[in-house]
Amino acid sequence: MLTHMQSYTIGQAARLLGVSPDTARRWADAGRVATHRDESGRRLIDGRDLAAFSVELAQDGHDEEETSYTSARNAFPGIVTSVKLGDVAAQVEIQAGPHRLVSLLTREAVEELGLEVGMQATARVKSTSVHIDRI
């Protein structure tokens, strides 16, 4: 199942990356992440580009601002950075700010949720299980 790729505003991208909108805007202005304009002139970031940038950012350990990260009821909103489908099982990775979460679930669940790289999702952690909610 192929769906329309989601794009994100600078503000949405900032929230997913765990930084201020000003920081996300500076990164876009510097060409660190590609943007395009929608019909109303807003700058948008393609979901796949944002997913790749979020992984790069987490690997760099680069943090221009001192930010605290919290988890309300163990929920980690982020962006899907990888989906690996097997015959029965699947592996989904989410980058939630500086946190990389990996969930093993059924292929059927991934297909029902329509999970793809670049889309928003929330990883919910309970004990050793990670559950994925599509936003």
C-alpha atoms as a PDB file:
ATOM      1  CA  MET A   1       0.000   0.000   0.000  1.00  0.00           C
ATOM      2  CA  LEU A   2       1.543   3.332  -1.086  1.00  0.00           C
ATOM      3  CA  THR A   3       0.238   6.580   0.351  1.00  0.00           C
ATOM      4  CA  HIS A   4       0.993  10.226  -0.349  1.00  0.00           C
ATOM      5  CA  MET A   5       4.294  11.220   1.310  1.00  0.00           C
ATOM      6  CA  GLN A   6       3.803  13.573   4.198  1.00  0.00           C
ATOM      7  CA  SER A   7       5.589  16.908   4.367  1.00  0.00           C
ATOM      8  CA  TYR A   8       6.247  18.882   7.543  1.00  0.00           C
ATOM      9  CA  THR A   9       6.272  22.577   8.374  1.00  0.00           C
ATOM     10  CA  ILE A  10       9.368  24.008  10.049  1.00  0.00           C
ATOM     11  CA  GLY A  11       7.468  24.033  13.376  1.00  0.00           C
ATOM     12  CA  GLN A  12       6.388  20.401  13.056  1.00  0.00           C
ATOM     13  CA  ALA A  13       9.919  19.359  12.082  1.00  0.00           C
ATOM     14  CA  ALA A  14      11.322  21.245  15.088  1.00  0.00           C
ATOM     15  CA  ARG A  15       8.976  19.382  17.441  1.00  0.00           C
ATOM     16  CA  LEU A  16       9.923  16.018  15.955  1.00  0.00           C
ATOM     17  CA  LEU A  17      13.634  16.852  16.160  1.00  0.00           C
ATOM     18  CA  GLY A  18      13.368  18.159  19.713  1.00  0.00           C
ATOM     19  CA  VAL A  19      14.640  21.669  18.899  1.00  0.00           C
ATOM     20  CA  SER A  20      13.174  25.166  18.656  1.00  0.00           C
ATOM     21  CA  PRO A  21      11.554  26.354  15.405  1.00  0.00           C
ATOM     22  CA  ASP A  22      14.363  28.944  15.138  1.00  0.00           C
ATOM     23  CA  THR A  23      16.978  26.178  15.166  1.00  0.00           C
ATOM     24  CA  ALA A  24      15.093  24.165  12.531  1.00  0.00           C
ATOM     25  CA  ARG A  25      14.754  27.326  10.409  1.00  0.00           C
ATOM     26  CA  ARG A  26      18.505  28.018  10.685  1.00  0.00           C
ATOM     27  CA  TRP A  27      19.284  24.449   9.610  1.00  0.00           C
ATOM     28  CA  ALA A  28      16.955  24.832   6.598  1.00  0.00           C
ATOM     29  CA  ASP A  29      18.464  28.242   5.731  1.00  0.00           C
ATOM     30  CA  ALA A  30      21.951  26.700   5.885  1.00  0.00           C
ATOM     31  CA  GLY A  31      20.870  23.888   3.526  1.00  0.00           C
ATOM     32  CA  ARG A  32      21.273  21.123   6.101  1.00  0.00           C
ATOM     33  CA  VAL A  33      17.775  19.909   5.252  1.00  0.00           C
ATOM     34  CA  ALA A  34      15.973  20.574   1.957  1.00  0.00           C
ATOM     35  CA  THR A  35      12.716  22.525   1.898  1.00  0.00           C
ATOM     36  CA  HIS A  36      10.112  23.381  -0.708  1.00  0.00           C
ATOM     37  CA  ARG A  37       7.154  25.769  -0.697  1.00  0.00           C
ATOM     38  CA  ASP A  38       3.497  24.795  -0.774  1.00  0.00           C
ATOM     39  CA  GLU A  39       0.818  26.705  -2.690  1.00  0.00           C
ATOM     40  CA  SER A  40       0.411  29.179   0.195  1.00  0.00           C
ATOM     41  CA  GLY A  41       4.161  29.849   0.408  1.00  0.00           C
ATOM     42  CA  ARG A  42       4.919  27.866   3.596  1.00  0.00           C
ATOM     43  CA  ARG A  43       8.260  26.098   3.725  1.00  0.00           C
ATOM     44  CA  LEU A  44       7.877  22.339   3.981  1.00  0.00           C
ATOM     45  CA  ILE A  45      10.278  19.450   4.487  1.00  0.00           C
ATOM     46  CA  ASP A  46       9.640  16.138   2.735  1.00  0.00           C
ATOM     47  CA  GLY A  47       9.101  13.315   5.237  1.00  0.00           C
ATOM     48  CA  ARG A  48      11.885  11.135   3.823  1.00  0.00           C
ATOM     49  CA  ASP A  49      14.338  14.060   3.959  1.00  0.00           C
ATOM     50  CA  LEU A  50      13.349  14.790   7.559  1.00  0.00           C
ATOM     51  CA  ALA A  51      13.724  11.118   8.518  1.00  0.00           C
ATOM     52  CA  ALA A  52      17.239  10.975   7.044  1.00  0.00           C
ATOM     53  CA  PHE A  53      18.194  14.274   8.689  1.00  0.00           C
ATOM     54  CA  SER A  54      16.891  13.124  12.085  1.00  0.00           C
ATOM     55  CA  VAL A  55      19.107  10.028  11.948  1.00  0.00           C
ATOM     56  CA  GLU A  56      22.122  12.120  10.856  1.00  0.00           C
ATOM     57  CA  LEU A  57      21.467  14.604  13.653  1.00  0.00           C
ATOM     58  CA  ALA A  58      21.197  11.876  16.289  1.00  0.00           C
ATOM     59  CA  GLN A  59      24.434  10.242  15.066  1.00  0.00           C
ATOM     60  CA  ASP A  60      26.277  13.583  15.123  1.00  0.00           C
ATOM     61  CA  GLY A  61      25.145  14.205  18.695  1.00  0.00           C
ATOM     62  CA  HIS A  62      24.881  17.843  17.611  1.00  0.00           C
ATOM     63  CA  ASP A  63      22.677  19.970  19.847  1.00  0.00           C
ATOM     64  CA  GLU A  64      22.784  23.739  19.456  1.00  0.00           C
ATOM     65  CA  GLU A  65      20.424  24.323  22.345  1.00  0.00           C
ATOM     66  CA  GLU A  66      20.168  22.809  25.790  1.00  0.00           C
ATOM     67  CA  THR A  67      16.810  21.015  25.669  1.00  0.00           C
ATOM     68  CA  SER A  68      15.165  18.737  28.172  1.00  0.00           C
ATOM     69  CA  TYR A  69      13.275  15.724  26.859  1.00  0.00           C
ATOM     70  CA  THR A  70      10.325  14.291  28.695  1.00  0.00           C
ATOM     71  CA  SER A  71       7.990  11.400  28.068  1.00  0.00           C
ATOM     72  CA  ALA A  72       4.385  11.802  29.094  1.00  0.00           C
ATOM     73  CA  ARG A  73       3.157   8.298  29.927  1.00  0.00           C
ATOM     74  CA  ASN A  74       6.099   6.785  28.077  1.00  0.00           C
ATOM     75  CA  ALA A  75       5.035   8.204  24.701  1.00  0.00           C
ATOM     76  CA  PHE A  76       7.780   9.172  22.236  1.00  0.00           C
ATOM     77  CA  PRO A  77       6.406  11.130  19.252  1.00  0.00           C
ATOM     78  CA  GLY A  78       8.809  11.078  16.348  1.00  0.00           C
ATOM     79  CA  ILE A  79       9.359  10.182  12.727  1.00  0.00           C
ATOM     80  CA  VAL A  80       9.621   6.739  11.135  1.00  0.00           C
ATOM     81  CA  THR A  81      13.180   6.272   9.863  1.00  0.00           C
ATOM     82  CA  SER A  82      13.097   2.609   8.810  1.00  0.00           C
ATOM     83  CA  VAL A  83      10.538  -0.093   8.034  1.00  0.00           C
ATOM     84  CA  LYS A  84      11.792  -3.631   7.378  1.00  0.00           C
ATOM     85  CA  LEU A  85       9.121  -6.116   6.347  1.00  0.00           C
ATOM     86  CA  GLY A  86       9.522  -9.877   6.638  1.00  0.00           C
ATOM     87  CA  ASP A  87       7.040 -12.549   5.648  1.00  0.00           C
ATOM     88  CA  VAL A  88       5.308 -12.429   9.050  1.00  0.00           C
ATOM     89  CA  ALA A  89       7.195  -9.942  11.243  1.00  0.00           C
ATOM     90  CA  ALA A  90       8.379  -6.374  10.748  1.00  0.00           C
ATOM     91  CA  GLN A  91      10.833  -3.967  12.359  1.00  0.00           C
ATOM     92  CA  VAL A  92      10.022  -0.257  12.658  1.00  0.00           C
ATOM     93  CA  GLU A  93      12.497   2.389  13.808  1.00  0.00           C
ATOM     94  CA  ILE A  94      11.429   5.797  15.100  1.00  0.00           C
ATOM     95  CA  GLN A  95      13.691   8.752  15.825  1.00  0.00           C
ATOM     96  CA  ALA A  96      12.118  10.777  18.648  1.00  0.00           C
ATOM     97  CA  GLY A  97      14.446  13.700  19.283  1.00  0.00           C
ATOM     98  CA  PRO A  98      17.703  12.103  20.444  1.00  0.00           C
ATOM     99  CA  HIS A  99      16.003   8.742  21.070  1.00  0.00           C
ATOM    100  CA  ARG A 100      16.016   5.889  18.535  1.00  0.00           C
ATOM    101  CA  LEU A 101      13.299   3.343  19.272  1.00  0.00           C
ATOM    102  CA  VAL A 102      12.919  -0.002  17.523  1.00  0.00           C
ATOM    103  CA  SER A 103       9.743  -2.075  17.596  1.00  0.00           C
ATOM    104  CA  LEU A 104       9.191  -5.602  16.361  1.00  0.00           C
ATOM    105  CA  LEU A 105       5.605  -6.187  15.342  1.00  0.00           C
ATOM    106  CA  THR A 106       3.618  -8.132  12.787  1.00  0.00           C
ATOM    107  CA  ARG A 107       3.780  -7.270   9.114  1.00  0.00           C
ATOM    108  CA  GLU A 108      -0.021  -7.076   9.173  1.00  0.00           C
ATOM    109  CA  ALA A 109       0.082  -4.358  11.865  1.00  0.00           C
ATOM    110  CA  VAL A 110       2.571  -2.284   9.846  1.00  0.00           C
ATOM    111  CA  GLU A 111       0.416  -2.592   6.734  1.00  0.00           C
ATOM    112  CA  GLU A 112      -2.799  -1.738   8.603  1.00  0.00           C
ATOM    113  CA  LEU A 113      -1.159   1.376  10.056  1.00  0.00           C
ATOM    114  CA  GLY A 114       0.307   2.239   6.658  1.00  0.00           C
ATOM    115  CA  LEU A 115       3.684   2.957   8.250  1.00  0.00           C
ATOM    116  CA  GLU A 116       6.299   4.368   5.871  1.00  0.00           C
ATOM    117  CA  VAL A 117       9.615   6.148   6.268  1.00  0.00           C
ATOM    118  CA  GLY A 118       9.046   9.866   6.799  1.00  0.00           C
ATOM    119  CA  MET A 119       5.674   9.756   8.529  1.00  0.00           C
ATOM    120  CA  GLN A 120       4.895  10.782  12.085  1.00  0.00           C
ATOM    121  CA  ALA A 121       4.341   8.060  14.643  1.00  0.00           C
ATOM    122  CA  THR A 122       4.448   7.677  18.405  1.00  0.00           C
ATOM    123  CA  ALA A 123       6.319   4.862  20.109  1.00  0.00           C
ATOM    124  CA  ARG A 124       4.717   3.864  23.411  1.00  0.00           C
ATOM    125  CA  VAL A 125       6.894   1.925  25.791  1.00  0.00           C
ATOM    126  CA  LYS A 126       5.534  -0.428  28.436  1.00  0.00           C
ATOM    127  CA  SER A 127       8.128  -2.562  30.159  1.00  0.00           C
ATOM    128  CA  THR A 128      10.092  -4.176  27.320  1.00  0.00           C
ATOM    129  CA  SER A 129       7.392  -3.722  24.644  1.00  0.00           C
ATOM    130  CA  VAL A 130       7.264  -0.776  22.234  1.00  0.00           C
ATOM    131  CA  HIS A 131       3.870  -0.051  20.653  1.00  0.00           C
ATOM    132  CA  ILE A 132       3.484   2.191  17.586  1.00  0.00           C
ATOM    133  CA  ASP A 133       0.598   4.651  17.095  1.00  0.00           C
ATOM    134  CA  ARG A 134       0.101   6.367  13.760  1.00  0.00           C
ATOM    135  CA  ILE A 135      -0.550  10.091  14.118  1.00  0.00           C
END
